[in-house]
């Protein structure tokens, strides 16, 4: 899954940037799910590049209690856990442009901090009700990774925020449900939605609006 010519560069990047251990949890159902085996292989190849990355693989049906514990309702699912579960989820195969999303998430979780501005971090602290950010992406979209990574940063800053990045091409029924005509499309708490990658201050406004709505 990871080309040999890229592995040395990736190994160096992980060595320079990882600080604390990271666990990547993969939920799969390889007899039913076309991309599950590839997702597991990709994650295992990435983990082999640095000893600070460990992998746990679960079967979505056989390990349904574990799936429920993580709030996983579809596969393939990738969860990145550091000192705690920050609510970071990727549904689909994190490949193409979305491999960068995976890599950035692993590094951020390992560090346990984000590069968001102090103003945005302070305002995120006031949220005390659950917020679900869903970012719909495709693996060929060059702008999607920025939107996905920003959603993950928001989730890291507040335990009430969960960020799900979904490859809409793998879950077309969700594309229909949410009217995804272009990507990245962000849906917050099923109520606030917009298309495109936006600056952190703009995403903050949308998140605060969704958190305030009854």
N, C-alpha and C. Protein backbone atom coordinates (compact mmCIF):
# COMPACT_ATOMS: atom_id res chain seq x y z
N UNK A 1 0.83 -1.22 0.00
CA UNK A 1 0.00 0.00 0.00
C UNK A 1 0.87 1.27 0.00
N UNK A 2 1.93 1.28 0.79
CA UNK A 2 2.84 2.44 0.81
C UNK A 2 4.01 2.13 -0.12
N UNK A 3 4.21 2.91 -1.18
CA UNK A 3 5.32 2.65 -2.10
C UNK A 3 6.66 2.64 -1.37
N UNK A 4 7.52 1.73 -1.79
CA UNK A 4 8.83 1.58 -1.12
C UNK A 4 9.61 2.89 -1.13
N UNK A 5 9.50 3.64 -2.24
CA UNK A 5 10.29 4.88 -2.34
C UNK A 5 9.81 5.96 -1.37
N UNK A 6 8.61 5.79 -0.80
CA UNK A 6 8.10 6.77 0.15
C UNK A 6 8.36 6.36 1.60
N UNK A 7 8.68 5.12 1.82
CA UNK A 7 8.79 4.63 3.20
C UNK A 7 9.92 5.29 3.98
N UNK A 8 11.06 5.51 3.32
CA UNK A 8 12.19 6.11 4.03
C UNK A 8 11.85 7.53 4.49
N UNK A 9 11.23 8.30 3.60
CA UNK A 9 10.82 9.66 3.96
C UNK A 9 9.81 9.65 5.10
N UNK A 10 8.83 8.73 5.01
CA UNK A 10 7.80 8.63 6.06
C UNK A 10 8.42 8.25 7.39
N UNK A 11 9.35 7.31 7.34
CA UNK A 11 10.02 6.85 8.56
C UNK A 11 10.73 8.02 9.24
N UNK A 12 11.39 8.86 8.44
CA UNK A 12 12.10 10.02 8.98
C UNK A 12 11.12 11.03 9.56
N UNK A 13 10.00 11.25 8.85
CA UNK A 13 9.00 12.21 9.32
C UNK A 13 8.40 11.78 10.65
N UNK A 14 8.11 10.50 10.78
CA UNK A 14 7.55 9.98 12.03
C UNK A 14 8.57 10.05 13.16
N UNK A 15 9.80 9.74 12.85
CA UNK A 15 10.87 9.78 13.86
C UNK A 15 11.04 11.19 14.41
N UNK A 16 10.93 12.19 13.53
CA UNK A 16 11.12 13.59 13.94
C UNK A 16 9.93 14.13 14.72
N UNK A 17 8.73 13.64 14.42
CA UNK A 17 7.52 14.30 14.92
C UNK A 17 6.75 13.56 16.01
N UNK A 18 6.91 12.25 16.11
CA UNK A 18 6.15 11.53 17.13
C UNK A 18 6.79 11.72 18.50
N UNK A 19 5.95 11.94 19.51
CA UNK A 19 6.45 12.15 20.87
C UNK A 19 6.01 11.03 21.81
N UNK A 20 4.71 10.79 21.87
CA UNK A 20 4.18 9.76 22.77
C UNK A 20 3.51 8.65 21.95
N UNK A 21 3.31 7.49 22.56
CA UNK A 21 2.72 6.36 21.82
C UNK A 21 1.34 6.67 21.26
N UNK A 22 1.05 6.11 20.11
CA UNK A 22 -0.25 6.25 19.45
C UNK A 22 -0.78 4.85 19.13
N UNK A 23 -2.06 4.65 19.41
CA UNK A 23 -2.71 3.38 19.07
C UNK A 23 -3.71 3.65 17.95
N UNK A 24 -3.60 2.87 16.87
CA UNK A 24 -4.57 2.99 15.79
C UNK A 24 -5.47 1.75 15.83
N UNK A 25 -6.74 1.99 16.02
CA UNK A 25 -7.72 0.91 16.11
C UNK A 25 -8.45 0.81 14.77
N UNK A 26 -8.48 -0.40 14.21
CA UNK A 26 -9.13 -0.62 12.92
C UNK A 26 -10.29 -1.59 13.09
N UNK A 27 -11.45 -1.20 12.61
CA UNK A 27 -12.59 -2.10 12.56
C UNK A 27 -12.79 -2.54 11.11
N UNK A 28 -12.94 -3.84 10.93
CA UNK A 28 -12.97 -4.41 9.60
C UNK A 28 -14.02 -5.51 9.51
N UNK A 29 -14.37 -5.86 8.32
CA UNK A 29 -15.26 -7.00 8.07
C UNK A 29 -14.92 -7.48 6.67
N UNK A 30 -13.82 -8.18 6.59
CA UNK A 30 -13.15 -8.37 5.30
C UNK A 30 -13.89 -9.26 4.32
N UNK A 31 -14.85 -10.04 4.78
CA UNK A 31 -15.62 -10.86 3.84
C UNK A 31 -16.72 -10.05 3.16
N UNK A 32 -17.10 -8.93 3.76
CA UNK A 32 -18.21 -8.14 3.25
C UNK A 32 -17.79 -6.77 2.70
N UNK A 33 -16.69 -6.26 3.19
CA UNK A 33 -16.31 -4.87 2.94
C UNK A 33 -15.15 -4.81 1.95
N UNK A 34 -15.34 -4.18 0.78
CA UNK A 34 -14.33 -4.22 -0.27
C UNK A 34 -13.00 -3.55 0.08
N UNK A 35 -13.01 -2.54 0.95
CA UNK A 35 -11.78 -1.80 1.24
C UNK A 35 -11.20 -2.12 2.62
N UNK A 36 -11.80 -3.05 3.34
CA UNK A 36 -11.35 -3.32 4.71
C UNK A 36 -9.94 -3.93 4.76
N UNK A 37 -9.67 -4.89 3.89
CA UNK A 37 -8.36 -5.54 3.89
C UNK A 37 -7.26 -4.53 3.55
N UNK A 38 -7.54 -3.65 2.57
CA UNK A 38 -6.56 -2.64 2.20
C UNK A 38 -6.33 -1.65 3.33
N UNK A 39 -7.40 -1.30 4.04
CA UNK A 39 -7.27 -0.37 5.15
C UNK A 39 -6.40 -0.96 6.25
N UNK A 40 -6.67 -2.22 6.59
CA UNK A 40 -5.86 -2.88 7.62
C UNK A 40 -4.39 -2.94 7.18
N UNK A 41 -4.14 -3.31 5.93
CA UNK A 41 -2.77 -3.40 5.43
C UNK A 41 -2.05 -2.06 5.48
N UNK A 42 -2.76 -1.01 5.08
CA UNK A 42 -2.17 0.33 5.10
C UNK A 42 -1.76 0.74 6.51
N UNK A 43 -2.65 0.52 7.46
CA UNK A 43 -2.37 0.91 8.85
C UNK A 43 -1.21 0.08 9.41
N UNK A 44 -1.20 -1.20 9.11
CA UNK A 44 -0.11 -2.05 9.61
C UNK A 44 1.23 -1.66 8.99
N UNK A 45 1.22 -1.26 7.72
CA UNK A 45 2.46 -0.81 7.07
C UNK A 45 2.96 0.49 7.71
N UNK A 46 2.03 1.41 7.99
CA UNK A 46 2.41 2.67 8.63
C UNK A 46 2.98 2.40 10.03
N UNK A 47 2.33 1.54 10.78
CA UNK A 47 2.80 1.23 12.14
C UNK A 47 4.18 0.59 12.15
N UNK A 48 4.48 -0.17 11.10
CA UNK A 48 5.78 -0.85 11.02
C UNK A 48 6.94 0.14 10.86
N UNK A 49 6.62 1.39 10.53
CA UNK A 49 7.66 2.39 10.31
C UNK A 49 8.12 3.07 11.59
N UNK A 50 7.36 2.89 12.69
CA UNK A 50 7.76 3.54 13.94
C UNK A 50 7.22 2.75 15.13
N UNK A 51 8.09 2.49 16.10
CA UNK A 51 7.72 1.65 17.25
C UNK A 51 6.72 2.33 18.18
N UNK A 52 6.51 3.63 18.02
CA UNK A 52 5.55 4.33 18.89
C UNK A 52 4.11 4.12 18.42
N UNK A 53 3.94 3.55 17.23
CA UNK A 53 2.60 3.29 16.70
C UNK A 53 2.24 1.83 16.88
N UNK A 54 1.13 1.56 17.55
CA UNK A 54 0.63 0.19 17.69
C UNK A 54 -0.73 0.09 17.00
N UNK A 55 -1.13 -1.13 16.68
CA UNK A 55 -2.37 -1.35 15.94
C UNK A 55 -3.22 -2.41 16.66
N UNK A 56 -4.51 -2.14 16.75
CA UNK A 56 -5.47 -3.15 17.20
C UNK A 56 -6.51 -3.31 16.09
N UNK A 57 -6.78 -4.56 15.71
CA UNK A 57 -7.74 -4.84 14.65
C UNK A 57 -8.91 -5.63 15.23
N UNK A 58 -10.13 -5.17 14.95
CA UNK A 58 -11.33 -5.85 15.43
C UNK A 58 -12.27 -6.13 14.27
N UNK A 59 -13.02 -7.22 14.39
CA UNK A 59 -14.06 -7.54 13.44
C UNK A 59 -15.34 -6.82 13.86
N UNK A 60 -15.94 -6.10 12.92
CA UNK A 60 -17.10 -5.26 13.24
C UNK A 60 -18.25 -6.05 13.86
N UNK A 61 -18.48 -7.28 13.39
CA UNK A 61 -19.57 -8.09 13.92
C UNK A 61 -19.15 -8.91 15.13
N UNK A 62 -18.02 -9.62 15.00
CA UNK A 62 -17.57 -10.49 16.09
C UNK A 62 -17.22 -9.68 17.34
N UNK A 63 -16.73 -8.47 17.14
CA UNK A 63 -16.35 -7.61 18.26
C UNK A 63 -17.32 -6.44 18.38
N UNK A 64 -18.61 -6.74 18.28
CA UNK A 64 -19.63 -5.68 18.26
C UNK A 64 -19.63 -4.85 19.55
N UNK A 65 -19.30 -5.47 20.67
CA UNK A 65 -19.25 -4.72 21.93
C UNK A 65 -18.15 -3.66 21.88
N UNK A 66 -17.02 -4.02 21.29
CA UNK A 66 -15.91 -3.07 21.15
C UNK A 66 -16.29 -1.96 20.17
N UNK A 67 -17.00 -2.33 19.10
CA UNK A 67 -17.46 -1.33 18.13
C UNK A 67 -18.40 -0.33 18.81
N UNK A 68 -19.27 -0.84 19.64
CA UNK A 68 -20.21 0.03 20.36
C UNK A 68 -19.45 0.95 21.31
N UNK A 69 -18.42 0.41 21.96
CA UNK A 69 -17.62 1.20 22.88
C UNK A 69 -16.99 2.40 22.18
N UNK A 70 -16.54 2.18 20.94
CA UNK A 70 -15.91 3.26 20.18
C UNK A 70 -16.92 4.06 19.36
N UNK A 71 -18.18 3.66 19.37
CA UNK A 71 -19.20 4.38 18.61
C UNK A 71 -19.07 4.18 17.11
N UNK A 72 -18.57 3.02 16.71
CA UNK A 72 -18.35 2.73 15.28
C UNK A 72 -19.60 2.06 14.71
N UNK A 73 -20.12 2.63 13.61
CA UNK A 73 -21.33 2.07 13.02
C UNK A 73 -21.17 1.67 11.55
N UNK A 74 -19.94 1.74 11.04
CA UNK A 74 -19.68 1.33 9.66
C UNK A 74 -18.19 1.00 9.50
N UNK A 75 -17.87 0.26 8.45
CA UNK A 75 -16.47 -0.14 8.21
C UNK A 75 -16.11 0.09 6.75
N UNK A 76 -14.79 0.26 6.48
CA UNK A 76 -13.69 0.27 7.44
C UNK A 76 -13.69 1.53 8.30
N UNK A 77 -13.28 1.36 9.55
CA UNK A 77 -13.19 2.48 10.49
C UNK A 77 -11.79 2.52 11.09
N UNK A 78 -11.25 3.72 11.17
CA UNK A 78 -9.92 3.92 11.75
C UNK A 78 -10.04 4.94 12.88
N UNK A 79 -9.55 4.57 14.05
CA UNK A 79 -9.61 5.43 15.24
C UNK A 79 -8.19 5.66 15.73
N UNK A 80 -7.85 6.90 15.99
CA UNK A 80 -6.49 7.23 16.43
C UNK A 80 -6.54 7.68 17.88
N UNK A 81 -5.88 6.93 18.73
CA UNK A 81 -5.94 7.15 20.18
C UNK A 81 -4.55 7.46 20.72
N UNK A 82 -4.48 8.49 21.54
CA UNK A 82 -3.21 8.84 22.19
C UNK A 82 -3.33 8.59 23.68
N UNK A 83 -3.03 9.61 24.47
CA UNK A 83 -3.18 9.48 25.93
C UNK A 83 -4.65 9.29 26.29
N UNK A 84 -5.53 9.67 25.37
CA UNK A 84 -6.96 9.41 25.52
C UNK A 84 -7.57 9.29 24.13
N UNK A 85 -8.84 8.92 24.07
CA UNK A 85 -9.57 8.89 22.82
C UNK A 85 -10.11 10.30 22.57
N UNK A 86 -9.58 10.96 21.57
CA UNK A 86 -9.97 12.34 21.28
C UNK A 86 -11.24 12.45 20.42
N UNK A 87 -11.79 11.31 20.02
CA UNK A 87 -12.98 11.36 19.17
C UNK A 87 -12.64 11.52 17.70
N UNK A 88 -11.47 11.04 17.30
CA UNK A 88 -11.01 11.15 15.91
C UNK A 88 -11.31 9.84 15.18
N UNK A 89 -12.12 9.94 14.11
CA UNK A 89 -12.52 8.76 13.34
C UNK A 89 -12.35 9.02 11.85
N UNK A 90 -11.91 7.98 11.14
CA UNK A 90 -11.89 8.03 9.67
C UNK A 90 -12.64 6.81 9.17
N UNK A 91 -13.64 7.05 8.34
CA UNK A 91 -14.43 5.95 7.77
C UNK A 91 -14.10 5.83 6.29
N UNK A 92 -13.49 4.69 5.95
CA UNK A 92 -13.05 4.47 4.58
C UNK A 92 -11.57 4.12 4.56
N UNK A 93 -11.00 4.09 3.38
CA UNK A 93 -9.58 3.82 3.20
C UNK A 93 -8.83 5.15 3.15
N UNK A 94 -8.01 5.47 4.15
CA UNK A 94 -7.32 6.77 4.18
C UNK A 94 -6.12 6.78 3.24
N UNK A 95 -6.43 6.86 1.95
CA UNK A 95 -5.40 6.77 0.92
C UNK A 95 -5.50 8.01 0.04
N UNK A 96 -4.66 8.09 -0.99
CA UNK A 96 -4.67 9.27 -1.84
C UNK A 96 -4.37 10.51 -1.01
N UNK A 97 -5.11 11.59 -1.25
CA UNK A 97 -4.90 12.81 -0.47
C UNK A 97 -5.21 12.60 1.01
N UNK A 98 -6.06 11.62 1.31
CA UNK A 98 -6.44 11.41 2.71
C UNK A 98 -5.39 10.68 3.53
N UNK A 99 -4.34 10.19 2.86
CA UNK A 99 -3.23 9.63 3.65
C UNK A 99 -2.58 10.73 4.48
N UNK A 100 -2.55 11.94 3.92
CA UNK A 100 -1.99 13.07 4.67
C UNK A 100 -2.83 13.38 5.90
N UNK A 101 -4.16 13.23 5.77
CA UNK A 101 -5.05 13.41 6.92
C UNK A 101 -4.68 12.42 8.02
N UNK A 102 -4.50 11.16 7.64
CA UNK A 102 -4.12 10.12 8.59
C UNK A 102 -2.79 10.46 9.26
N UNK A 103 -1.82 10.82 8.47
CA UNK A 103 -0.48 11.11 8.99
C UNK A 103 -0.50 12.29 9.96
N UNK A 104 -1.18 13.37 9.57
CA UNK A 104 -1.26 14.55 10.44
C UNK A 104 -1.98 14.23 11.74
N UNK A 105 -3.02 13.39 11.66
CA UNK A 105 -3.77 13.02 12.86
C UNK A 105 -2.88 12.22 13.81
N UNK A 106 -2.13 11.29 13.27
CA UNK A 106 -1.23 10.48 14.10
C UNK A 106 -0.21 11.36 14.81
N UNK A 107 0.35 12.32 14.09
CA UNK A 107 1.36 13.21 14.68
C UNK A 107 0.73 14.10 15.76
N UNK A 108 -0.44 14.68 15.46
CA UNK A 108 -1.10 15.55 16.44
C UNK A 108 -1.46 14.80 17.71
N UNK A 109 -2.00 13.60 17.55
CA UNK A 109 -2.40 12.79 18.71
C UNK A 109 -1.17 12.39 19.52
N UNK A 110 -0.09 12.07 18.84
CA UNK A 110 1.15 11.73 19.54
C UNK A 110 1.66 12.90 20.36
N UNK A 111 1.51 14.09 19.83
CA UNK A 111 1.96 15.28 20.56
C UNK A 111 0.97 15.71 21.64
N UNK A 112 -0.29 15.36 21.43
CA UNK A 112 -1.32 15.72 22.41
C UNK A 112 -1.67 17.18 22.41
N UNK A 113 -1.39 17.87 21.29
CA UNK A 113 -1.69 19.31 21.20
C UNK A 113 -1.88 19.68 19.73
N UNK A 114 -2.51 20.83 19.53
CA UNK A 114 -2.72 21.31 18.17
C UNK A 114 -2.06 22.66 18.00
N UNK A 115 -2.06 23.13 16.74
CA UNK A 115 -1.48 24.44 16.44
C UNK A 115 -2.57 25.49 16.24
N UNK A 116 -3.78 25.22 16.74
CA UNK A 116 -4.85 26.21 16.64
C UNK A 116 -4.47 27.47 17.42
N UNK A 117 -5.00 28.60 17.00
CA UNK A 117 -4.71 29.86 17.69
C UNK A 117 -5.27 29.82 19.11
N UNK A 118 -4.67 30.62 19.96
CA UNK A 118 -5.11 30.66 21.37
C UNK A 118 -6.56 31.12 21.47
N UNK A 119 -6.95 32.05 20.61
CA UNK A 119 -8.32 32.57 20.61
C UNK A 119 -9.33 31.47 20.31
N UNK A 120 -9.03 30.66 19.28
CA UNK A 120 -9.94 29.57 18.91
C UNK A 120 -9.98 28.52 20.01
N UNK A 121 -8.84 28.18 20.57
CA UNK A 121 -8.79 27.17 21.64
C UNK A 121 -9.62 27.63 22.84
N UNK A 122 -9.49 28.91 23.20
CA UNK A 122 -10.24 29.43 24.34
C UNK A 122 -11.75 29.36 24.11
N UNK A 123 -12.18 29.70 22.90
CA UNK A 123 -13.61 29.70 22.61
C UNK A 123 -14.17 28.28 22.53
N UNK A 124 -13.35 27.33 22.11
CA UNK A 124 -13.80 25.94 22.06
C UNK A 124 -14.05 25.39 23.47
N UNK A 125 -13.36 25.94 24.45
CA UNK A 125 -13.49 25.44 25.82
C UNK A 125 -14.88 25.67 26.40
N UNK A 126 -15.62 26.62 25.84
CA UNK A 126 -16.93 26.93 26.42
C UNK A 126 -18.00 25.91 26.01
N UNK A 127 -17.69 25.05 25.05
CA UNK A 127 -18.67 24.06 24.59
C UNK A 127 -18.81 22.95 25.62
N UNK A 128 -20.04 22.74 26.09
CA UNK A 128 -20.28 21.73 27.12
C UNK A 128 -21.41 20.77 26.72
N UNK A 129 -21.74 20.75 25.44
CA UNK A 129 -22.74 19.81 24.91
C UNK A 129 -22.12 19.08 23.72
N UNK A 130 -22.56 17.85 23.44
CA UNK A 130 -21.95 17.07 22.37
C UNK A 130 -22.04 17.76 21.00
N UNK A 131 -20.94 17.74 20.29
CA UNK A 131 -20.87 18.26 18.93
C UNK A 131 -20.24 17.20 18.03
N UNK A 132 -20.94 16.84 16.98
CA UNK A 132 -20.39 15.89 16.00
C UNK A 132 -20.12 16.64 14.70
N UNK A 133 -18.86 16.65 14.31
CA UNK A 133 -18.47 17.22 13.02
C UNK A 133 -18.25 16.07 12.04
N UNK A 134 -19.00 16.06 10.96
CA UNK A 134 -18.79 15.09 9.90
C UNK A 134 -18.22 15.82 8.68
N UNK A 135 -17.09 15.35 8.19
CA UNK A 135 -16.48 15.94 6.99
C UNK A 135 -16.50 14.87 5.90
N UNK A 136 -17.23 15.14 4.83
CA UNK A 136 -17.33 14.21 3.71
C UNK A 136 -16.26 14.57 2.68
N UNK A 137 -15.48 13.56 2.30
CA UNK A 137 -14.33 13.76 1.44
C UNK A 137 -14.31 12.72 0.32
N UNK A 138 -13.42 12.93 -0.65
CA UNK A 138 -13.04 11.86 -1.58
C UNK A 138 -11.52 11.80 -1.59
N UNK A 139 -10.99 10.67 -2.01
CA UNK A 139 -9.54 10.48 -1.96
C UNK A 139 -8.81 11.26 -3.04
N UNK A 140 -9.54 11.81 -4.01
CA UNK A 140 -8.92 12.56 -5.10
C UNK A 140 -9.08 14.07 -4.94
N UNK A 141 -9.62 14.49 -3.82
CA UNK A 141 -9.91 15.92 -3.58
C UNK A 141 -8.71 16.58 -2.86
N UNK A 142 -8.03 17.53 -3.51
CA UNK A 142 -6.84 18.14 -2.90
C UNK A 142 -7.14 19.07 -1.73
N UNK A 143 -8.40 19.52 -1.60
CA UNK A 143 -8.76 20.46 -0.53
C UNK A 143 -9.35 19.77 0.69
N UNK A 144 -9.71 18.50 0.52
CA UNK A 144 -10.44 17.79 1.58
C UNK A 144 -9.58 17.56 2.82
N UNK A 145 -8.32 17.27 2.61
CA UNK A 145 -7.44 16.96 3.74
C UNK A 145 -7.37 18.12 4.73
N UNK A 146 -7.32 19.35 4.21
CA UNK A 146 -7.24 20.52 5.10
C UNK A 146 -8.49 20.62 5.98
N UNK A 147 -9.67 20.37 5.38
CA UNK A 147 -10.91 20.42 6.15
C UNK A 147 -10.96 19.31 7.19
N UNK A 148 -10.49 18.12 6.80
CA UNK A 148 -10.50 16.97 7.71
C UNK A 148 -9.56 17.19 8.89
N UNK A 149 -8.36 17.66 8.59
CA UNK A 149 -7.36 17.87 9.65
C UNK A 149 -7.84 18.93 10.64
N UNK A 150 -8.48 19.98 10.13
CA UNK A 150 -8.98 21.04 11.02
C UNK A 150 -10.07 20.49 11.94
N UNK A 151 -10.96 19.66 11.41
CA UNK A 151 -12.00 19.06 12.25
C UNK A 151 -11.37 18.21 13.36
N UNK A 152 -10.32 17.46 13.02
CA UNK A 152 -9.63 16.64 14.01
C UNK A 152 -9.01 17.52 15.10
N UNK A 153 -8.45 18.65 14.71
CA UNK A 153 -7.85 19.55 15.71
C UNK A 153 -8.91 20.06 16.68
N UNK A 154 -10.10 20.37 16.16
CA UNK A 154 -11.17 20.82 17.03
C UNK A 154 -11.55 19.72 18.03
N UNK A 155 -11.60 18.48 17.56
CA UNK A 155 -11.94 17.37 18.45
C UNK A 155 -10.90 17.20 19.55
N UNK A 156 -9.65 17.46 19.21
CA UNK A 156 -8.59 17.32 20.21
C UNK A 156 -8.69 18.37 21.31
N UNK A 157 -9.29 19.51 20.99
CA UNK A 157 -9.33 20.62 21.95
C UNK A 157 -10.48 20.53 22.95
N UNK A 158 -11.48 19.70 22.67
CA UNK A 158 -12.64 19.63 23.57
C UNK A 158 -13.22 18.22 23.54
N UNK A 159 -13.37 17.62 24.70
CA UNK A 159 -13.86 16.23 24.79
C UNK A 159 -15.30 16.08 24.34
N UNK A 160 -16.03 17.20 24.23
CA UNK A 160 -17.41 17.11 23.76
C UNK A 160 -17.51 17.06 22.23
N UNK A 161 -16.39 17.34 21.56
CA UNK A 161 -16.39 17.39 20.10
C UNK A 161 -15.83 16.08 19.53
N UNK A 162 -16.57 15.52 18.58
CA UNK A 162 -16.13 14.32 17.87
C UNK A 162 -16.04 14.66 16.38
N UNK A 163 -15.00 14.20 15.72
CA UNK A 163 -14.82 14.48 14.30
C UNK A 163 -14.77 13.18 13.50
N UNK A 164 -15.73 13.02 12.60
CA UNK A 164 -15.79 11.86 11.72
C UNK A 164 -15.49 12.32 10.29
N UNK A 165 -14.45 11.78 9.71
CA UNK A 165 -14.16 12.03 8.30
C UNK A 165 -14.62 10.81 7.51
N UNK A 166 -15.43 11.04 6.49
CA UNK A 166 -16.08 9.95 5.76
C UNK A 166 -15.76 10.06 4.28
N UNK A 167 -15.19 9.00 3.70
CA UNK A 167 -15.01 8.95 2.25
C UNK A 167 -16.37 8.66 1.62
N UNK A 168 -16.97 9.69 1.03
CA UNK A 168 -18.35 9.57 0.55
C UNK A 168 -18.47 8.58 -0.60
N UNK A 169 -17.38 8.33 -1.32
CA UNK A 169 -17.45 7.36 -2.42
C UNK A 169 -17.60 5.94 -1.91
N UNK A 170 -17.18 5.70 -0.67
CA UNK A 170 -17.34 4.36 -0.08
C UNK A 170 -18.68 4.22 0.63
N UNK A 171 -19.29 5.34 0.97
CA UNK A 171 -20.58 5.31 1.66
C UNK A 171 -21.58 6.19 0.92
N UNK A 172 -21.95 5.79 -0.32
CA UNK A 172 -22.81 6.64 -1.15
C UNK A 172 -24.18 6.93 -0.53
N UNK A 173 -24.65 6.01 0.34
CA UNK A 173 -25.95 6.26 0.98
C UNK A 173 -25.88 7.48 1.89
N UNK A 174 -24.71 7.74 2.47
CA UNK A 174 -24.56 8.94 3.30
C UNK A 174 -24.46 10.19 2.42
N UNK A 175 -23.88 10.02 1.24
CA UNK A 175 -23.84 11.13 0.30
C UNK A 175 -25.25 11.56 -0.09
N UNK A 176 -26.12 10.57 -0.29
CA UNK A 176 -27.52 10.87 -0.61
C UNK A 176 -28.23 11.50 0.59
N UNK A 177 -28.00 10.92 1.76
CA UNK A 177 -28.67 11.42 2.97
C UNK A 177 -28.35 12.88 3.24
N UNK A 178 -27.08 13.24 3.06
CA UNK A 178 -26.66 14.60 3.40
C UNK A 178 -26.54 15.51 2.17
N UNK A 179 -26.98 15.02 1.02
CA UNK A 179 -26.98 15.86 -0.18
C UNK A 179 -25.60 16.33 -0.56
N UNK A 180 -24.62 15.42 -0.52
CA UNK A 180 -23.24 15.80 -0.83
C UNK A 180 -23.08 15.93 -2.34
N UNK A 181 -23.07 17.16 -2.83
CA UNK A 181 -22.89 17.44 -4.26
C UNK A 181 -21.47 17.90 -4.57
N UNK A 182 -20.74 18.28 -3.54
CA UNK A 182 -19.35 18.70 -3.68
C UNK A 182 -18.61 18.41 -2.40
N UNK A 183 -17.28 18.28 -2.48
CA UNK A 183 -16.47 17.99 -1.29
C UNK A 183 -15.32 18.99 -1.21
N UNK A 184 -14.82 19.24 0.00
CA UNK A 184 -15.31 18.71 1.28
C UNK A 184 -16.64 19.34 1.68
N UNK A 185 -17.51 18.52 2.23
CA UNK A 185 -18.75 19.03 2.82
C UNK A 185 -18.74 18.70 4.31
N UNK A 186 -19.01 19.70 5.13
CA UNK A 186 -19.02 19.54 6.58
C UNK A 186 -20.44 19.66 7.10
N UNK A 187 -20.83 18.72 7.94
CA UNK A 187 -22.14 18.74 8.59
C UNK A 187 -21.91 18.67 10.09
N UNK A 188 -22.48 19.61 10.83
CA UNK A 188 -22.26 19.67 12.28
C UNK A 188 -23.59 19.48 13.00
N UNK A 189 -23.64 18.46 13.83
CA UNK A 189 -24.85 18.15 14.62
C UNK A 189 -26.10 18.03 13.75
N UNK A 190 -25.92 17.55 12.52
CA UNK A 190 -27.04 17.30 11.61
C UNK A 190 -27.79 18.58 11.22
N UNK A 191 -27.29 19.76 11.61
CA UNK A 191 -28.05 20.99 11.42
C UNK A 191 -27.31 22.06 10.62
N UNK A 192 -26.06 22.24 10.92
CA UNK A 192 -25.26 23.28 10.26
C UNK A 192 -24.37 22.62 9.21
N UNK A 193 -24.38 23.12 7.99
CA UNK A 193 -23.57 22.50 6.95
C UNK A 193 -23.03 23.54 5.98
N UNK A 194 -21.89 23.21 5.37
CA UNK A 194 -21.29 24.09 4.36
C UNK A 194 -20.32 23.26 3.52
N UNK A 195 -19.98 23.81 2.37
CA UNK A 195 -19.05 23.14 1.44
C UNK A 195 -17.76 23.94 1.36
N UNK A 196 -16.64 23.23 1.31
CA UNK A 196 -15.34 23.86 1.13
C UNK A 196 -14.48 23.82 2.37
N UNK A 197 -13.20 24.04 2.17
CA UNK A 197 -12.25 24.14 3.28
C UNK A 197 -12.26 25.59 3.76
N UNK A 198 -12.40 25.80 5.05
CA UNK A 198 -12.51 27.15 5.61
C UNK A 198 -11.44 27.38 6.67
N UNK A 199 -11.12 28.64 6.97
CA UNK A 199 -10.18 28.93 8.06
C UNK A 199 -10.75 28.50 9.41
N UNK A 200 -9.87 28.36 10.40
CA UNK A 200 -10.30 27.85 11.70
C UNK A 200 -11.33 28.77 12.36
N UNK A 201 -11.24 30.08 12.13
CA UNK A 201 -12.20 31.00 12.74
C UNK A 201 -13.60 30.78 12.18
N UNK A 202 -13.69 30.44 10.90
CA UNK A 202 -14.99 30.20 10.27
C UNK A 202 -15.59 28.89 10.76
N UNK A 203 -14.77 27.84 10.85
CA UNK A 203 -15.27 26.58 11.39
C UNK A 203 -15.74 26.78 12.83
N UNK A 204 -15.01 27.58 13.59
CA UNK A 204 -15.40 27.87 14.98
C UNK A 204 -16.81 28.48 15.03
N UNK A 205 -17.08 29.44 14.16
CA UNK A 205 -18.41 30.07 14.14
C UNK A 205 -19.50 29.03 13.90
N UNK A 206 -19.25 28.13 12.94
CA UNK A 206 -20.24 27.09 12.63
C UNK A 206 -20.43 26.13 13.79
N UNK A 207 -19.34 25.76 14.44
CA UNK A 207 -19.41 24.83 15.56
C UNK A 207 -20.16 25.47 16.73
N UNK A 208 -19.87 26.73 17.03
CA UNK A 208 -20.56 27.42 18.12
C UNK A 208 -22.05 27.56 17.82
N UNK A 209 -22.38 27.81 16.56
CA UNK A 209 -23.79 27.92 16.16
C UNK A 209 -24.49 26.59 16.36
N UNK A 210 -23.85 25.51 15.93
CA UNK A 210 -24.46 24.18 16.09
C UNK A 210 -24.60 23.81 17.56
N UNK A 211 -23.63 24.20 18.37
CA UNK A 211 -23.67 23.87 19.80
C UNK A 211 -24.76 24.64 20.52
N UNK A 212 -25.10 25.83 20.00
CA UNK A 212 -26.12 26.67 20.64
C UNK A 212 -27.53 26.25 20.26
N UNK A 213 -27.70 25.69 19.09
CA UNK A 213 -29.06 25.36 18.63
C UNK A 213 -29.67 24.27 19.48
N UNK A 214 -30.96 24.38 19.80
CA UNK A 214 -31.62 23.38 20.65
C UNK A 214 -31.82 22.06 19.89
